C-alpha cells in the first residue's frame, strides 16, 4: 500500500455471524478515498481468493489506517462497533 493511501480493501474469512474472522491472503490494495476502495469491493468478493476461502462467509472491508492498526494480523470480531460498517459480503 502506498504511503498516500488512506484506506485498504481487506478480505476476511468469517463464521456466519462475523464474530470469528481472519484476514485472507488477498493482496491488500490501497486507496486515497473510501469511495475508491468501495468501488473495488464487488471484484474482491468474486475473486479466486474469495471463492477458495475455507470459511462460510467472506467479508470485504475498506478500513482506514487506524482501524487496520487496531485489528493487526490475528483473529478479529467484525461485529465490533470499531469495525462497522460491513461494506459487502458473500
C-alpha atoms as a PDB file:
ATOM      1  CA  UNK A   1       0.000   0.000   0.000  1.00  0.00           C
ATOM      2  CA  UNK A   2       1.394   3.387  -0.954  1.00  0.00           C
ATOM      3  CA  UNK A   3       2.211   5.989   1.675  1.00  0.00           C
ATOM      4  CA  UNK A   4      -0.602   8.247   0.384  1.00  0.00           C
ATOM      5  CA  UNK A   5      -3.251   5.524   0.687  1.00  0.00           C
ATOM      6  CA  UNK A   6      -5.700   6.248   3.472  1.00  0.00           C
ATOM      7  CA  UNK A   7      -7.900   3.139   3.019  1.00  0.00           C
ATOM      8  CA  UNK A   8      -7.214  -0.511   2.308  1.00  0.00           C
ATOM      9  CA  UNK A   9      -9.505  -3.185   0.904  1.00  0.00           C
ATOM     10  CA  UNK A  10      -9.149  -6.300   3.036  1.00  0.00           C
ATOM     11  CA  UNK A  11     -10.925  -9.657   2.705  1.00  0.00           C
ATOM     12  CA  UNK A  12     -11.816 -11.732   5.752  1.00  0.00           C
ATOM     13  CA  UNK A  13     -12.965 -15.338   6.009  1.00  0.00           C
ATOM     14  CA  UNK A  14     -15.538 -15.433   8.801  1.00  0.00           C
ATOM     15  CA  UNK A  15     -18.010 -17.502  10.741  1.00  0.00           C
ATOM     16  CA  UNK A  16     -21.585 -16.851   9.616  1.00  0.00           C
ATOM     17  CA  UNK A  17     -22.150 -14.333  12.410  1.00  0.00           C
ATOM     18  CA  UNK A  18     -18.883 -12.425  11.763  1.00  0.00           C
ATOM     19  CA  UNK A  19     -17.537 -12.899  15.283  1.00  0.00           C
ATOM     20  CA  UNK A  20     -14.593 -15.110  14.251  1.00  0.00           C
ATOM     21  CA  UNK A  21     -12.731 -13.741  11.238  1.00  0.00           C
ATOM     22  CA  UNK A  22      -9.245 -13.990   9.802  1.00  0.00           C
ATOM     23  CA  UNK A  23      -7.639 -11.964   7.058  1.00  0.00           C
ATOM     24  CA  UNK A  24      -7.405 -13.793   3.765  1.00  0.00           C
ATOM     25  CA  UNK A  25      -4.162 -13.706   1.811  1.00  0.00           C
ATOM     26  CA  UNK A  26      -5.784 -11.338  -0.694  1.00  0.00           C
ATOM     27  CA  UNK A  27      -3.392  -8.636  -1.907  1.00  0.00           C
ATOM     28  CA  UNK A  28      -4.169  -5.513   0.105  1.00  0.00           C
ATOM     29  CA  UNK A  29      -4.928  -2.582  -2.187  1.00  0.00           C
ATOM     30  CA  UNK A  30      -4.523   0.994  -1.005  1.00  0.00           C
ATOM     31  CA  UNK A  31      -6.879   3.838  -1.937  1.00  0.00           C
ATOM     32  CA  UNK A  32      -6.942   7.570  -1.315  1.00  0.00           C
ATOM     33  CA  UNK A  33     -10.661   7.608  -0.500  1.00  0.00           C
ATOM     34  CA  UNK A  34     -13.280   5.244   0.908  1.00  0.00           C
ATOM     35  CA  UNK A  35     -15.329   5.671  -2.284  1.00  0.00           C
ATOM     36  CA  UNK A  36     -12.451   4.435  -4.469  1.00  0.00           C
ATOM     37  CA  UNK A  37     -11.991   1.475  -2.142  1.00  0.00           C
ATOM     38  CA  UNK A  38     -15.689   0.614  -2.058  1.00  0.00           C
ATOM     39  CA  UNK A  39     -15.780   0.627  -5.876  1.00  0.00           C
ATOM     40  CA  UNK A  40     -13.487  -2.441  -5.832  1.00  0.00           C
ATOM     41  CA  UNK A  41     -15.409  -4.491  -3.240  1.00  0.00           C
ATOM     42  CA  UNK A  42     -17.519  -6.492  -5.715  1.00  0.00           C
ATOM     43  CA  UNK A  43     -14.435  -7.505  -7.697  1.00  0.00           C
ATOM     44  CA  UNK A  44     -12.690  -8.626  -4.495  1.00  0.00           C
ATOM     45  CA  UNK A  45     -15.695 -10.693  -3.400  1.00  0.00           C
ATOM     46  CA  UNK A  46     -15.782 -12.505  -6.748  1.00  0.00           C
ATOM     47  CA  UNK A  47     -12.015 -13.090  -6.832  1.00  0.00           C
ATOM     48  CA  UNK A  48     -10.453 -16.531  -6.835  1.00  0.00           C
ATOM     49  CA  UNK A  49      -9.215 -15.905  -3.282  1.00  0.00           C
ATOM     50  CA  UNK A  50     -12.764 -15.295  -2.033  1.00  0.00           C
ATOM     51  CA  UNK A  51     -14.050 -18.343  -3.913  1.00  0.00           C
ATOM     52  CA  UNK A  52     -11.365 -20.577  -2.377  1.00  0.00           C
ATOM     53  CA  UNK A  53     -11.767 -19.270   1.171  1.00  0.00           C
ATOM     54  CA  UNK A  54     -12.263 -22.015   3.728  1.00  0.00           C
ATOM     55  CA  UNK A  55     -14.925 -20.043   5.584  1.00  0.00           C
ATOM     56  CA  UNK A  56     -18.709 -19.935   5.399  1.00  0.00           C
ATOM     57  CA  UNK A  57     -18.710 -16.166   4.860  1.00  0.00           C
ATOM     58  CA  UNK A  58     -16.296 -13.790   3.160  1.00  0.00           C
ATOM     59  CA  UNK A  59     -16.470 -10.137   4.139  1.00  0.00           C
ATOM     60  CA  UNK A  60     -14.771  -7.226   2.396  1.00  0.00           C
ATOM     61  CA  UNK A  61     -13.933  -4.139   4.400  1.00  0.00           C
ATOM     62  CA  UNK A  62     -12.469  -0.809   3.438  1.00  0.00           C
ATOM     63  CA  UNK A  63     -10.547   0.184   6.516  1.00  0.00           C
ATOM     64  CA  UNK A  64      -8.697   3.377   7.304  1.00  0.00           C
ATOM     65  CA  UNK A  65      -5.158   3.204   8.680  1.00  0.00           C
ATOM     66  CA  UNK A  66      -6.263   3.476  12.323  1.00  0.00           C
ATOM     67  CA  UNK A  67      -8.693   0.551  12.013  1.00  0.00           C
ATOM     68  CA  UNK A  68      -6.087  -1.522  10.173  1.00  0.00           C
ATOM     69  CA  UNK A  69      -3.676  -0.991  13.048  1.00  0.00           C
ATOM     70  CA  UNK A  70      -6.295  -1.997  15.631  1.00  0.00           C
ATOM     71  CA  UNK A  71      -7.082  -5.340  14.017  1.00  0.00           C
ATOM     72  CA  UNK A  72      -3.500  -6.482  13.455  1.00  0.00           C
ATOM     73  CA  UNK A  73      -2.983  -9.911  11.870  1.00  0.00           C
ATOM     74  CA  UNK A  74      -4.778 -12.202  14.311  1.00  0.00           C
ATOM     75  CA  UNK A  75      -8.419 -13.200  14.650  1.00  0.00           C
ATOM     76  CA  UNK A  76     -10.929 -10.381  14.704  1.00  0.00           C
ATOM     77  CA  UNK A  77     -14.604  -9.872  15.578  1.00  0.00           C
ATOM     78  CA  UNK A  78     -16.056  -7.871  12.671  1.00  0.00           C
ATOM     79  CA  UNK A  79     -19.265  -7.266  14.602  1.00  0.00           C
ATOM     80  CA  UNK A  80     -17.289  -4.904  16.845  1.00  0.00           C
ATOM     81  CA  UNK A  81     -18.577  -1.336  16.651  1.00  0.00           C
ATOM     82  CA  UNK A  82     -14.998  -0.209  15.992  1.00  0.00           C
ATOM     83  CA  UNK A  83     -15.036  -2.106  12.686  1.00  0.00           C
ATOM     84  CA  UNK A  84     -18.522  -1.375  11.371  1.00  0.00           C
ATOM     85  CA  UNK A  85     -19.990  -0.952   8.831  1.00  0.00           C
ATOM     86  CA  UNK A  86     -19.522  -4.024   6.678  1.00  0.00           C
ATOM     87  CA  UNK A  87     -19.344  -2.921   3.081  1.00  0.00           C
ATOM     88  CA  UNK A  88     -20.192  -6.245   1.490  1.00  0.00           C
ATOM     89  CA  UNK A  89     -20.153  -9.968   1.980  1.00  0.00           C
ATOM     90  CA  UNK A  90     -20.825 -13.178   0.101  1.00  0.00           C
END
